[in-house]
Protein backbone atom coordinates (compact mmCIF):
# COMPACT_ATOMS: atom_id res chain seq x y z
CA UNK A 1 5.19 -0.39 -19.94
CA UNK A 2 8.35 -2.30 -19.02
CA UNK A 3 11.35 -2.23 -21.33
CA UNK A 4 14.10 -4.77 -22.00
CA UNK A 5 16.50 -4.83 -19.07
CA UNK A 6 13.95 -3.57 -16.49
CA UNK A 7 13.79 -5.41 -13.15
CA UNK A 8 10.41 -7.17 -13.01
CA UNK A 9 8.54 -9.97 -11.24
CA UNK A 10 6.77 -12.82 -13.03
CA UNK A 11 4.43 -15.62 -11.96
CA UNK A 12 4.29 -19.13 -13.35
CA UNK A 13 2.76 -22.51 -12.52
CA UNK A 14 5.50 -25.11 -12.11
CA UNK A 15 3.13 -28.07 -11.67
CA UNK A 16 -0.65 -28.26 -12.03
CA UNK A 17 -2.43 -29.82 -9.04
CA UNK A 18 -3.06 -33.06 -10.96
CA UNK A 19 0.66 -33.36 -11.80
CA UNK A 20 1.83 -33.21 -8.17
CA UNK A 21 2.90 -36.28 -6.21
CA UNK A 22 0.29 -38.24 -4.25
CA UNK A 23 2.54 -38.16 -1.17
CA UNK A 24 1.48 -34.61 -0.29
CA UNK A 25 -1.12 -33.68 2.34
CA UNK A 26 -4.64 -33.52 0.84
CA UNK A 27 -4.97 -29.73 1.07
CA UNK A 28 -1.58 -29.27 -0.64
CA UNK A 29 -2.33 -31.79 -3.41
CA UNK A 30 -5.31 -29.69 -4.49
CA UNK A 31 -3.15 -26.64 -5.26
CA UNK A 32 -0.90 -25.82 -8.18
CA UNK A 33 2.80 -25.42 -7.37
CA UNK A 34 3.41 -21.75 -8.19
CA UNK A 35 6.57 -19.71 -8.62
CA UNK A 36 7.25 -15.98 -8.42
CA UNK A 37 10.55 -14.89 -9.94
CA UNK A 38 12.36 -11.57 -10.20
CA UNK A 39 14.68 -10.81 -13.05
CA UNK A 40 15.65 -8.59 -15.96
CA UNK A 41 13.07 -8.44 -18.75
CA UNK A 42 14.36 -10.03 -21.96
CA UNK A 43 11.47 -8.92 -24.21
CA UNK A 44 11.70 -5.54 -25.94
CA UNK A 45 8.57 -4.20 -24.17
CA UNK A 46 5.78 -5.71 -22.07
CA UNK A 47 2.86 -4.76 -19.89
CA UNK A 48 1.44 -6.45 -16.80
CA UNK A 49 -0.38 -9.60 -17.92
CA UNK A 50 1.94 -10.38 -20.84
CA UNK A 51 3.86 -13.67 -20.93
CA UNK A 52 7.56 -12.75 -20.87
CA UNK A 53 11.03 -14.11 -20.27
CA UNK A 54 13.32 -12.81 -17.53
CA UNK A 55 16.97 -13.40 -16.75
CA UNK A 56 17.48 -13.92 -13.01
CA UNK A 57 20.34 -12.50 -10.96
CA UNK A 58 22.18 -15.83 -11.36
CA UNK A 59 21.65 -15.90 -15.14
CA UNK A 60 18.77 -18.42 -15.35
CA UNK A 61 16.06 -17.72 -17.96
CA UNK A 62 12.47 -18.10 -16.72
CA UNK A 63 9.17 -17.60 -18.51
CA UNK A 64 5.95 -16.40 -16.87
CA UNK A 65 3.25 -13.77 -16.66
CA UNK A 66 4.50 -10.27 -15.88
CA UNK A 67 2.88 -9.18 -12.61
CA UNK A 68 5.00 -6.26 -11.41
CA UNK A 69 7.50 -3.70 -12.67
CA UNK A 70 10.39 -2.65 -10.41
CA UNK A 71 9.40 -4.93 -7.48
CA UNK A 72 10.75 -4.22 -4.01
CA UNK A 73 10.70 -5.89 -0.61
CA UNK A 74 7.75 -5.06 1.60
CA UNK A 75 8.34 -7.41 4.54
CA UNK A 76 8.67 -6.27 8.13
CA UNK A 77 9.28 -7.80 11.54
CA UNK A 78 5.71 -7.08 12.62
CA UNK A 79 4.20 -4.70 15.12
CA UNK A 80 5.89 -3.55 18.33
CA UNK A 81 5.72 -6.12 21.15
CA UNK A 82 6.45 -4.56 24.57
CA UNK A 83 7.54 -7.90 26.06
CA UNK A 84 10.51 -7.95 23.69
CA UNK A 85 11.95 -4.88 25.47
CA UNK A 86 11.75 -6.70 28.80
CA UNK A 87 13.34 -9.85 27.32
CA UNK A 88 16.14 -7.68 25.92
CA UNK A 89 16.70 -6.04 29.31
CA UNK A 90 16.80 -9.42 31.09
CA UNK A 91 19.13 -10.94 28.52
CA UNK A 92 21.56 -8.04 28.74
CA UNK A 93 21.55 -8.36 32.52
CA UNK A 94 22.27 -12.11 32.32
CA UNK A 95 25.05 -11.59 29.78
CA UNK A 96 26.60 -8.80 31.85
CA UNK A 97 26.98 -11.03 34.88
CA UNK A 98 27.34 -14.36 33.10
CA UNK A 99 24.07 -15.53 34.65
CA UNK A 100 25.51 -15.35 38.18
CA UNK A 101 24.87 -12.82 40.88
């Protein structure tokens, strides 16, 4: 159960597919325009699935469905690629000599 002031993430639909401009590619036109927003919960208490209001880091108020409490970043730069080590070695060699031998 999230409490007022907790950092949470919400989801909302900004535009339904039928409300979107006709100038989009066909596959894009068929999809809703969705938004995921992080912010401080403004409701006294809420659980995942409740419609709530959050205040973003810049002070904007947004309304949506609570999908996560205390969200955090989970991105990475991917798996190890051995070729990157060789590129790094070559680049350092070029920079060391200014590209001239």
